[in-house]
C-alpha atoms as a PDB file:
ATOM      1  CA  MET A   1       0.000   0.000   0.000  1.00  0.00           C
ATOM      2  CA  LYS A   2       1.423   3.378  -1.058  1.00  0.00           C
ATOM      3  CA  ARG A   3       2.042   5.930   1.705  1.00  0.00           C
ATOM      4  CA  ILE A   4       0.950   9.449   0.817  1.00  0.00           C
ATOM      5  CA  PHE A   5       0.409  12.895   2.261  1.00  0.00           C
ATOM      6  CA  LEU A   6      -2.671  14.952   1.466  1.00  0.00           C
ATOM      7  CA  ALA A   7      -2.328  18.725   1.092  1.00  0.00           C
ATOM      8  CA  GLY A   8      -5.174  21.216   1.075  1.00  0.00           C
ATOM      9  CA  PHE A   9      -8.003  22.414   3.252  1.00  0.00           C
ATOM     10  CA  GLY A  10     -11.696  22.160   4.009  1.00  0.00           C
ATOM     11  CA  GLN A  11     -14.419  19.931   2.635  1.00  0.00           C
ATOM     12  CA  PRO A  12     -12.553  19.106  -0.597  1.00  0.00           C
ATOM     13  CA  LEU A  13      -9.717  17.652   1.476  1.00  0.00           C
ATOM     14  CA  ILE A  14     -12.138  15.705   3.661  1.00  0.00           C
ATOM     15  CA  ASP A  15     -13.891  14.278   0.601  1.00  0.00           C
ATOM     16  CA  LEU A  16     -10.549  13.330  -0.951  1.00  0.00           C
ATOM     17  CA  TYR A  17      -9.467  11.605   2.252  1.00  0.00           C
ATOM     18  CA  GLU A  18     -12.678   9.563   2.310  1.00  0.00           C
ATOM     19  CA  SER A  19     -12.075   8.530  -1.311  1.00  0.00           C
ATOM     20  CA  LEU A  20      -8.446   7.499  -0.810  1.00  0.00           C
ATOM     21  CA  LYS A  21      -8.265   6.070   2.709  1.00  0.00           C
ATOM     22  CA  GLY A  22      -9.171   2.541   1.637  1.00  0.00           C
ATOM     23  CA  ARG A  23      -6.460   2.352  -1.046  1.00  0.00           C
ATOM     24  CA  PHE A  24      -3.594   4.330   0.509  1.00  0.00           C
ATOM     25  CA  ASP A  25      -1.830   4.653   3.838  1.00  0.00           C
ATOM     26  CA  ILE A  26      -2.363   8.348   4.516  1.00  0.00           C
ATOM     27  CA  VAL A  27       0.489   9.675   6.652  1.00  0.00           C
ATOM     28  CA  GLY A  28      -1.087  13.032   7.444  1.00  0.00           C
ATOM     29  CA  VAL A  29      -2.119  16.365   5.971  1.00  0.00           C
ATOM     30  CA  ILE A  30      -0.326  19.517   4.894  1.00  0.00           C
ATOM     31  CA  LEU A  31      -2.389  22.695   5.306  1.00  0.00           C
ATOM     32  CA  ASP A  32      -1.943  25.901   3.353  1.00  0.00           C
ATOM     33  CA  TYR A  33      -2.817  28.181   6.282  1.00  0.00           C
ATOM     34  CA  GLU A  34      -3.617  27.871   9.990  1.00  0.00           C
ATOM     35  CA  ARG A  35      -7.348  28.574  10.401  1.00  0.00           C
ATOM     36  CA  ARG A  36      -8.331  26.646  13.506  1.00  0.00           C
ATOM     37  CA  ALA A  37     -10.308  29.496  15.080  1.00  0.00           C
ATOM     38  CA  LYS A  38     -12.454  29.969  11.969  1.00  0.00           C
ATOM     39  CA  PHE A  39     -12.921  26.301  11.016  1.00  0.00           C
ATOM     40  CA  PRO A  40     -12.813  24.268  14.245  1.00  0.00           C
ATOM     41  CA  LEU A  41     -14.911  21.422  12.828  1.00  0.00           C
ATOM     42  CA  PHE A  42     -12.319  20.764  10.134  1.00  0.00           C
ATOM     43  CA  TYR A  43      -9.609  20.362  12.758  1.00  0.00           C
ATOM     44  CA  ASP A  44     -11.941  18.177  14.824  1.00  0.00           C
ATOM     45  CA  PHE A  45     -12.276  15.906  11.795  1.00  0.00           C
ATOM     46  CA  LEU A  46      -8.499  15.627  11.427  1.00  0.00           C
ATOM     47  CA  ALA A  47      -8.209  14.722  15.103  1.00  0.00           C
ATOM     48  CA  SER A  48     -11.005  12.146  14.843  1.00  0.00           C
ATOM     49  CA  GLN A  49      -9.141  10.407  12.014  1.00  0.00           C
ATOM     50  CA  LYS A  50      -5.790  10.710  13.815  1.00  0.00           C
ATOM     51  CA  LEU A  51      -4.385  12.729  10.938  1.00  0.00           C
ATOM     52  CA  GLY A  52      -1.319  14.683  11.949  1.00  0.00           C
ATOM     53  CA  ILE A  53      -0.544  18.111  10.508  1.00  0.00           C
ATOM     54  CA  TYR A  54       2.758  18.458   8.672  1.00  0.00           C
ATOM     55  CA  SER A  55       4.584  20.816   6.340  1.00  0.00           C
ATOM     56  CA  PHE A  56       6.129  20.141   2.943  1.00  0.00           C
ATOM     57  CA  GLU A  57       9.508  20.377   4.658  1.00  0.00           C
ATOM     58  CA  ASP A  58       8.552  17.544   7.032  1.00  0.00           C
ATOM     59  CA  ARG A  59       8.206  15.164   4.076  1.00  0.00           C
ATOM     60  CA  LYS A  60      11.984  14.946   3.775  1.00  0.00           C
ATOM     61  CA  ASN A  61      12.215  12.983   7.014  1.00  0.00           C
ATOM     62  CA  ILE A  62       9.242  10.637   6.562  1.00  0.00           C
ATOM     63  CA  VAL A  63       9.109   7.623   4.271  1.00  0.00           C
ATOM     64  CA  HIS A  64       6.327   8.078   1.740  1.00  0.00           C
ATOM     65  CA  ASP A  65       5.557   7.686  -1.959  1.00  0.00           C
ATOM     66  CA  GLY A  66       3.898  10.947  -2.915  1.00  0.00           C
ATOM     67  CA  THR A  67       1.636  13.879  -2.053  1.00  0.00           C
ATOM     68  CA  VAL A  68      -1.826  14.602  -3.448  1.00  0.00           C
ATOM     69  CA  VAL A  69      -3.017  18.212  -3.400  1.00  0.00           C
ATOM     70  CA  ILE A  70      -6.534  19.676  -3.542  1.00  0.00           C
ATOM     71  CA  ASN A  71      -7.824  23.140  -2.608  1.00  0.00           C
ATOM     72  CA  TYR A  72      -4.353  24.313  -1.556  1.00  0.00           C
ATOM     73  CA  ASN A  73      -4.004  28.093  -1.895  1.00  0.00           C
ATOM     74  CA  LYS A  74      -0.265  28.658  -1.645  1.00  0.00           C
ATOM     75  CA  ILE A  75       2.523  28.288  -4.175  1.00  0.00           C
ATOM     76  CA  ILE A  76       4.296  24.971  -3.618  1.00  0.00           C
ATOM     77  CA  THR A  77       8.094  25.013  -3.712  1.00  0.00           C
ATOM     78  CA  ILE A  78       9.294  22.142  -5.858  1.00  0.00           C
ATOM     79  CA  ASP A  79      11.687  19.583  -4.396  1.00  0.00           C
ATOM     80  CA  GLN A  80      12.840  16.121  -5.409  1.00  0.00           C
ATOM     81  CA  VAL A  81      11.565  14.324  -2.303  1.00  0.00           C
ATOM     82  CA  SER A  82       8.629  12.570  -3.996  1.00  0.00           C
ATOM     83  CA  PRO A  83       5.972  13.204  -6.662  1.00  0.00           C
ATOM     84  CA  VAL A  84       3.457  15.950  -5.899  1.00  0.00           C
ATOM     85  CA  LEU A  85       0.150  15.580  -7.755  1.00  0.00           C
ATOM     86  CA  ASN A  86      -2.418  18.360  -7.875  1.00  0.00           C
ATOM     87  CA  ILE A  87      -6.154  18.030  -8.476  1.00  0.00           C
ATOM     88  CA  HIS A  88      -6.829  21.193 -10.455  1.00  0.00           C
ATOM     89  CA  MET A  89     -10.439  22.315 -10.834  1.00  0.00           C
ATOM     90  CA  GLY A  90     -10.211  23.165 -14.498  1.00  0.00           C
ATOM     91  CA  LEU A  91      -9.314  21.514 -17.774  1.00  0.00           C
ATOM     92  CA  LEU A  92      -5.635  21.798 -18.530  1.00  0.00           C
ATOM     93  CA  PRO A  93      -3.692  22.632 -20.579  1.00  0.00           C
ATOM     94  CA  VAL A  94      -5.903  25.631 -21.392  1.00  0.00           C
ATOM     95  CA  TYR A  95      -7.456  26.865 -18.162  1.00  0.00           C
ATOM     96  CA  ARG A  96      -4.938  27.494 -15.391  1.00  0.00           C
ATOM     97  CA  GLY A  97      -5.324  29.379 -12.111  1.00  0.00           C
ATOM     98  CA  ASN A  98      -8.192  29.979  -9.704  1.00  0.00           C
ATOM     99  CA  ASN A  99     -11.855  29.595 -10.739  1.00  0.00           C
ATOM    100  CA  ALA A 100     -10.653  28.082 -14.004  1.00  0.00           C
ATOM    101  CA  ASN A 101     -13.978  26.391 -14.766  1.00  0.00           C
ATOM    102  CA  ALA A 102     -15.822  29.671 -14.337  1.00  0.00           C
ATOM    103  CA  TRP A 103     -13.475  31.319 -16.807  1.00  0.00           C
ATOM    104  CA  ALA A 104     -14.069  28.479 -19.227  1.00  0.00           C
ATOM    105  CA  LEU A 105     -17.778  29.314 -19.128  1.00  0.00           C
ATOM    106  CA  LEU A 106     -17.008  33.021 -19.511  1.00  0.00           C
ATOM    107  CA  ASN A 107     -15.153  32.054 -22.693  1.00  0.00           C
ATOM    108  CA  GLY A 108     -18.084  30.057 -24.028  1.00  0.00           C
ATOM    109  CA  ASP A 109     -16.734  26.595 -23.181  1.00  0.00           C
ATOM    110  CA  ARG A 110     -19.571  24.531 -21.734  1.00  0.00           C
ATOM    111  CA  THR A 111     -17.281  21.556 -21.007  1.00  0.00           C
ATOM    112  CA  VAL A 112     -15.658  21.963 -17.610  1.00  0.00           C
ATOM    113  CA  GLY A 113     -13.932  19.525 -15.284  1.00  0.00           C
ATOM    114  CA  TYR A 114     -10.772  18.745 -13.370  1.00  0.00           C
ATOM    115  CA  THR A 115      -7.211  17.673 -14.095  1.00  0.00           C
ATOM    116  CA  LEU A 116      -4.690  15.558 -12.205  1.00  0.00           C
ATOM    117  CA  HIS A 117      -1.236  16.939 -12.993  1.00  0.00           C
ATOM    118  CA  GLU A 118       2.279  17.052 -11.678  1.00  0.00           C
ATOM    119  CA  VAL A 119       3.193  20.113  -9.641  1.00  0.00           C
ATOM    120  CA  SER A 120       6.084  21.909 -11.350  1.00  0.00           C
ATOM    121  CA  GLU A 121       7.841  25.285 -11.240  1.00  0.00           C
ATOM    122  CA  VAL A 122       5.092  26.659 -13.506  1.00  0.00           C
ATOM    123  CA  LEU A 123       1.743  27.160 -11.774  1.00  0.00           C
ATOM    124  CA  ASP A 124      -0.649  24.496 -13.129  1.00  0.00           C
ATOM    125  CA  GLY A 125       1.889  23.812 -15.860  1.00  0.00           C
ATOM    126  CA  GLY A 126       3.115  20.321 -14.958  1.00  0.00           C
ATOM    127  CA  ALA A 127       2.608  17.102 -16.878  1.00  0.00           C
ATOM    128  CA  ILE A 128      -1.032  15.997 -17.198  1.00  0.00           C
ATOM    129  CA  TYR A 129      -1.990  12.504 -16.005  1.00  0.00           C
ATOM    130  CA  TYR A 130      -5.786  12.538 -16.159  1.00  0.00           C
ATOM    131  CA  THR A 131      -8.695  14.796 -17.079  1.00  0.00           C
ATOM    132  CA  PHE A 132     -12.423  14.527 -16.530  1.00  0.00           C
ATOM    133  CA  GLY A 133     -14.816  16.705 -18.498  1.00  0.00           C
ATOM    134  CA  TYR A 134     -18.533  17.398 -18.127  1.00  0.00           C
ATOM    135  CA  GLU A 135     -20.620  19.316 -20.661  1.00  0.00           C
ATOM    136  CA  ILE A 136     -23.166  21.560 -18.933  1.00  0.00           C
ATOM    137  CA  GLN A 137     -26.532  21.508 -20.677  1.00  0.00           C
ATOM    138  CA  ASP A 138     -28.799  24.533 -21.177  1.00  0.00           C
ATOM    139  CA  HIS A 139     -31.047  23.586 -18.246  1.00  0.00           C
ATOM    140  CA  GLU A 140     -28.124  22.932 -15.892  1.00  0.00           C
ATOM    141  CA  THR A 141     -25.678  25.018 -13.861  1.00  0.00           C
ATOM    142  CA  TYR A 142     -22.189  24.516 -12.488  1.00  0.00           C
ATOM    143  CA  PHE A 143     -23.798  22.664  -9.570  1.00  0.00           C
ATOM    144  CA  HIS A 144     -24.470  19.701 -11.867  1.00  0.00           C
ATOM    145  CA  ALA A 145     -20.892  19.698 -13.156  1.00  0.00           C
ATOM    146  CA  LYS A 146     -19.521  19.868  -9.612  1.00  0.00           C
ATOM    147  CA  ASN A 147     -21.537  16.809  -8.627  1.00  0.00           C
ATOM    148  CA  ALA A 148     -20.224  14.900 -11.650  1.00  0.00           C
ATOM    149  CA  MET A 149     -16.640  15.862 -10.800  1.00  0.00           C
ATOM    150  CA  SER A 150     -17.077  14.811  -7.168  1.00  0.00           C
ATOM    151  CA  SER A 151     -18.413  11.442  -8.290  1.00  0.00           C
ATOM    152  CA  ASP A 152     -15.490  10.885 -10.660  1.00  0.00           C
ATOM    153  CA  ILE A 153     -12.952  11.849  -7.980  1.00  0.00           C
ATOM    154  CA  LYS A 154     -14.545   9.319  -5.658  1.00  0.00           C
ATOM    155  CA  THR A 155     -14.859   6.409  -8.071  1.00  0.00           C
ATOM    156  CA  LYS A 156     -12.088   6.730 -10.660  1.00  0.00           C
ATOM    157  CA  LEU A 157      -9.335   8.971  -9.352  1.00  0.00           C
ATOM    158  CA  PRO A 158      -7.975   6.665  -6.601  1.00  0.00           C
ATOM    159  CA  SER A 159      -6.898   4.035  -9.140  1.00  0.00           C
ATOM    160  CA  VAL A 160      -5.438   6.710 -11.414  1.00  0.00           C
ATOM    161  CA  ILE A 161      -3.328   8.103  -8.566  1.00  0.00           C
ATOM    162  CA  GLN A 162      -2.104   4.616  -7.704  1.00  0.00           C
ATOM    163  CA  ASP A 163      -1.148   3.949 -11.327  1.00  0.00           C
ATOM    164  CA  VAL A 164       0.754   7.248 -11.475  1.00  0.00           C
ATOM    165  CA  LEU A 165       2.709   6.480  -8.300  1.00  0.00           C
ATOM    166  CA  GLU A 166       3.485   2.988  -9.613  1.00  0.00           C
ATOM    167  CA  GLY A 167       4.777   4.435 -12.887  1.00  0.00           C
ATOM    168  CA  LYS A 168       2.031   2.899 -15.008  1.00  0.00           C
ATOM    169  CA  ILE A 169       0.845   6.255 -16.393  1.00  0.00           C
ATOM    170  CA  THR A 170       3.149   8.683 -18.181  1.00  0.00           C
ATOM    171  CA  GLY A 171       2.250  12.355 -18.002  1.00  0.00           C
ATOM    172  CA  THR A 172       1.611  14.490 -21.074  1.00  0.00           C
ATOM    173  CA  SER A 173       3.694  17.654 -21.272  1.00  0.00           C
ATOM    174  CA  GLN A 174       1.992  21.044 -21.526  1.00  0.00           C
ATOM    175  CA  GLU A 175       5.023  22.613 -23.172  1.00  0.00           C
ATOM    176  CA  ASN A 176       4.233  24.795 -26.202  1.00  0.00           C
ATOM    177  CA  HIS A 177       0.479  24.524 -25.608  1.00  0.00           C
ATOM    178  CA  GLY A 178      -1.655  27.653 -25.437  1.00  0.00           C
ATOM    179  CA  PHE A 179      -3.185  28.618 -22.076  1.00  0.00           C
ATOM    180  CA  ILE A 180      -4.846  31.337 -20.049  1.00  0.00           C
ATOM    181  CA  TYR A 181      -4.683  32.120 -16.332  1.00  0.00           C
ATOM    182  CA  ALA A 182      -7.942  32.641 -14.468  1.00  0.00           C
ATOM    183  CA  ALA A 183      -8.479  34.656 -11.296  1.00  0.00           C
ATOM    184  CA  LYS A 184     -10.972  34.318  -8.475  1.00  0.00           C
ATOM    185  CA  LEU A 185     -14.414  35.760  -9.187  1.00  0.00           C
ATOM    186  CA  ILE A 186     -16.241  37.954  -6.691  1.00  0.00           C
ATOM    187  CA  PRO A 187     -20.012  38.400  -6.159  1.00  0.00           C
ATOM    188  CA  GLU A 188     -19.923  41.747  -7.972  1.00  0.00           C
ATOM    189  CA  ASP A 189     -18.899  39.906 -11.143  1.00  0.00           C
ATOM    190  CA  GLY A 190     -22.376  38.369 -11.100  1.00  0.00           C
ATOM    191  CA  ILE A 191     -24.158  41.725 -11.447  1.00  0.00           C
ATOM    192  CA  ILE A 192     -25.267  42.496 -14.996  1.00  0.00           C
ATOM    193  CA  THR A 193     -24.567  46.172 -15.603  1.00  0.00           C
ATOM    194  CA  ASN A 194     -24.152  45.891 -19.365  1.00  0.00           C
ATOM    195  CA  TRP A 195     -26.679  43.987 -21.495  1.00  0.00           C
ATOM    196  CA  ASN A 196     -24.597  44.438 -24.644  1.00  0.00           C
ATOM    197  CA  LEU A 197     -23.568  40.793 -24.340  1.00  0.00           C
ATOM    198  CA  GLU A 198     -24.501  37.810 -26.439  1.00  0.00           C
ATOM    199  CA  THR A 199     -27.374  35.809 -24.980  1.00  0.00           C
ATOM    200  CA  SER A 200     -25.142  32.762 -24.588  1.00  0.00           C
ATOM    201  CA  SER A 201     -22.733  34.841 -22.511  1.00  0.00           C
ATOM    202  CA  ILE A 202     -25.503  35.769 -20.061  1.00  0.00           C
ATOM    203  CA  VAL A 203     -26.675  32.151 -19.871  1.00  0.00           C
ATOM    204  CA  ASN A 204     -23.116  31.001 -19.160  1.00  0.00           C
ATOM    205  CA  ARG A 205     -22.686  33.644 -16.465  1.00  0.00           C
ATOM    206  CA  ASN A 206     -25.880  32.392 -14.870  1.00  0.00           C
ATOM    207  CA  MET A 207     -24.419  28.866 -14.851  1.00  0.00           C
ATOM    208  CA  ILE A 208     -21.496  30.214 -12.827  1.00  0.00           C
ATOM    209  CA  PHE A 209     -23.358  32.340 -10.288  1.00  0.00           C
ATOM    210  CA  SER A 210     -26.577  30.336  -9.813  1.00  0.00           C
ATOM    211  CA  ARG A 211     -27.260  28.991  -6.361  1.00  0.00           C
ATOM    212  CA  PRO A 212     -26.563  26.831  -4.437  1.00  0.00           C
ATOM    213  CA  LEU A 213     -22.858  27.156  -5.307  1.00  0.00           C
ATOM    214  CA  GLY A 214     -22.940  30.791  -6.412  1.00  0.00           C
ATOM    215  CA  THR A 215     -24.175  34.063  -4.961  1.00  0.00           C
ATOM    216  CA  GLY A 216     -26.796  34.528  -7.665  1.00  0.00           C
ATOM    217  CA  LEU A 217     -26.884  36.391 -10.973  1.00  0.00           C
ATOM    218  CA  LYS A 218     -28.270  39.875 -10.324  1.00  0.00           C
ATOM    219  CA  LEU A 219     -29.404  43.125 -11.882  1.00  0.00           C
ATOM    220  CA  LEU A 220     -29.799  46.602 -10.436  1.00  0.00           C
ATOM    221  CA  HIS A 221     -33.294  48.102 -10.412  1.00  0.00           C
ATOM    222  CA  GLU A 222     -34.052  51.484  -8.836  1.00  0.00           C
ATOM    223  CA  GLY A 223     -31.033  51.183  -6.590  1.00  0.00           C
ATOM    224  CA  THR A 224     -31.882  47.660  -5.434  1.00  0.00           C
ATOM    225  CA  LEU A 225     -30.153  44.444  -6.423  1.00  0.00           C
ATOM    226  CA  LEU A 226     -32.580  41.813  -7.679  1.00  0.00           C
ATOM    227  CA  GLU A 227     -31.525  38.216  -8.118  1.00  0.00           C
ATOM    228  CA  ILE A 228     -32.389  36.522 -11.406  1.00  0.00           C
ATOM    229  CA  SER A 229     -33.529  33.165 -10.087  1.00  0.00           C
ATOM    230  CA  LYS A 230     -34.865  31.858 -13.409  1.00  0.00           C
ATOM    231  CA  LEU A 231     -34.024  32.790 -16.986  1.00  0.00           C
ATOM    232  CA  SER A 232     -34.239  31.060 -20.337  1.00  0.00           C
ATOM    233  CA  THR A 233     -33.388  31.437 -23.983  1.00  0.00           C
ATOM    234  CA  ILE A 234     -36.088  32.254 -26.547  1.00  0.00           C
ATOM    235  CA  PRO A 235     -36.502  29.803 -29.439  1.00  0.00           C
ATOM    236  CA  ASN A 236     -36.662  31.334 -32.934  1.00  0.00           C
ATOM    237  CA  TYR A 237     -35.699  34.836 -31.784  1.00  0.00           C
ATOM    238  CA  LEU A 238     -33.681  36.206 -34.683  1.00  0.00           C
ATOM    239  CA  ASN A 239     -30.199  37.615 -34.419  1.00  0.00           C
ATOM    240  CA  SER A 240     -30.807  41.354 -34.693  1.00  0.00           C
ATOM    241  CA  ASN A 241     -29.685  44.831 -33.771  1.00  0.00           C
ATOM    242  CA  GLY A 242     -31.494  46.866 -31.161  1.00  0.00           C
ATOM    243  CA  ILE A 243     -31.028  48.507 -27.768  1.00  0.00           C
ATOM    244  CA  PRO A 244     -29.382  46.046 -25.374  1.00  0.00           C
ATOM    245  CA  GLY A 245     -31.112  46.114 -22.008  1.00  0.00           C
ATOM    246  CA  ALA A 246     -34.464  47.243 -23.404  1.00  0.00           C
ATOM    247  CA  VAL A 247     -37.549  45.309 -22.282  1.00  0.00           C
ATOM    248  CA  VAL A 248     -39.206  44.252 -25.539  1.00  0.00           C
ATOM    249  CA  LEU A 249     -42.090  42.065 -24.315  1.00  0.00           C
ATOM    250  CA  LYS A 250     -44.170  41.236 -21.237  1.00  0.00           C
ATOM    251  CA  ASN A 251     -45.784  37.809 -21.127  1.00  0.00           C
ATOM    252  CA  SER A 252     -48.879  36.437 -19.430  1.00  0.00           C
ATOM    253  CA  ASP A 253     -46.737  34.019 -17.403  1.00  0.00           C
ATOM    254  CA  GLY A 254     -45.052  37.000 -15.716  1.00  0.00           C
ATOM    255  CA  SER A 255     -41.786  36.846 -17.648  1.00  0.00           C
ATOM    256  CA  VAL A 256     -40.234  39.659 -19.670  1.00  0.00           C
ATOM    257  CA  TRP A 257     -37.951  39.543 -22.659  1.00  0.00           C
ATOM    258  CA  VAL A 258     -34.855  41.731 -22.639  1.00  0.00           C
ATOM    259  CA  LYS A 259     -32.850  42.603 -25.741  1.00  0.00           C
ATOM    260  CA  THR A 260     -29.254  41.435 -25.726  1.00  0.00           C
ATOM    261  CA  LYS A 261     -26.421  42.092 -28.140  1.00  0.00           C
ATOM    262  CA  ASP A 262     -27.603  39.432 -30.577  1.00  0.00           C
ATOM    263  CA  THR A 263     -31.091  38.151 -29.682  1.00  0.00           C
ATOM    264  CA  ALA A 264     -33.054  38.455 -26.435  1.00  0.00           C
ATOM    265  CA  ILE A 265     -33.326  36.601 -23.139  1.00  0.00           C
ATOM    266  CA  SER A 266     -36.336  35.777 -20.987  1.00  0.00           C
ATOM    267  CA  LEU A 267     -36.257  36.804 -17.337  1.00  0.00           C
ATOM    268  CA  ASP A 268     -38.700  34.332 -15.800  1.00  0.00           C
ATOM    269  CA  GLU A 269     -38.396  35.000 -12.071  1.00  0.00           C
ATOM    270  CA  LEU A 270     -36.637  37.442  -9.773  1.00  0.00           C
ATOM    271  CA  VAL A 271     -35.993  37.415  -6.043  1.00  0.00           C
ATOM    272  CA  LYS A 272     -36.193  40.474  -3.822  1.00  0.00           C
ATOM    273  CA  ASP A 273     -35.615  40.270  -0.065  1.00  0.00           C
ATOM    274  CA  GLY A 274     -35.971  36.500  -0.244  1.00  0.00           C
ATOM    275  CA  GLN A 275     -39.343  36.625  -2.019  1.00  0.00           C
ATOM    276  CA  ALA A 276     -39.968  35.482  -5.595  1.00  0.00           C
ATOM    277  CA  ILE A 277     -41.511  38.114  -7.861  1.00  0.00           C
ATOM    278  CA  LYS A 278     -42.607  38.175 -11.498  1.00  0.00           C
ATOM    279  CA  PRO A 279     -40.537  40.510 -13.685  1.00  0.00           C
ATOM    280  CA  ALA A 280     -43.682  41.628 -15.540  1.00  0.00           C
ATOM    281  CA  ASP A 281     -44.965  43.121 -12.279  1.00  0.00           C
ATOM    282  CA  ILE A 282     -42.158  45.668 -12.076  1.00  0.00           C
ATOM    283  CA  PHE A 283     -40.877  46.213 -15.623  1.00  0.00           C
ATOM    284  CA  LYS A 284     -42.539  47.970 -18.574  1.00  0.00           C
ATOM    285  CA  ILE A 285     -42.059  47.472 -22.286  1.00  0.00           C
ATOM    286  CA  GLY A 286     -39.431  49.929 -23.482  1.00  0.00           C
ATOM    287  CA  GLN A 287     -37.808  50.238 -20.068  1.00  0.00           C
ATOM    288  CA  ARG A 288     -34.023  50.086 -20.050  1.00  0.00           C
ATOM    289  CA  LEU A 289     -32.321  47.782 -17.589  1.00  0.00           C
END
């Protein structure tokens, strides 16, 4: 049985531990930061599983076969002690950095996922051992993709990690491949202030910010932020010029259609102060959002 360290923090690290504990001898965990006062339950879990807390430097003095990283928010200094494998939430070689899957959606890529790769001197630039992709459908959000990724990490990744540590899988180099670096999104990025966007761009942004994982896609109306809890595309609406942000139709079901850069989008339900409201009750045809 291979002996490994886990590095990371929070629920992702707990879930990874539960997935790997039956296949590997887990020596202990390496944390990015000390946050005991803020997350006492996480430290209680480590204690309940008798998982000691170590540093990357400690690895030099302990016999082990490798380290698996997830949700670790510090730059890792490379050494030659043992392989360090990172579970990157994004599809390499293209999408590197934080919130990489969200940036994929911002760029119109509906297929998101995760990558197991070697940690190298280049952030998220090491050899790729495994990728899992999930194509988000029109009626889905990132929540559905996250569930699919969690399932794959639980069922398939343990054997992949073992094969890597046993030398059965050779990594694929990212050298000379195009890439972008993503940065962490903030709730304000989910506020639509400019409707001069393609409809697909708004739909993709909704996939990112929709609850329960996001803070909600929102718009500003009379100085108040309203959450767009339901929206949809409009079949057969022609690509056309117009005034982006203009309300072009109110419907009997309470929805309104808003002109976008190319077509229009249906706002089907809003939330204000925790209460669902119909857009047609507050918006007029011709009104600019």
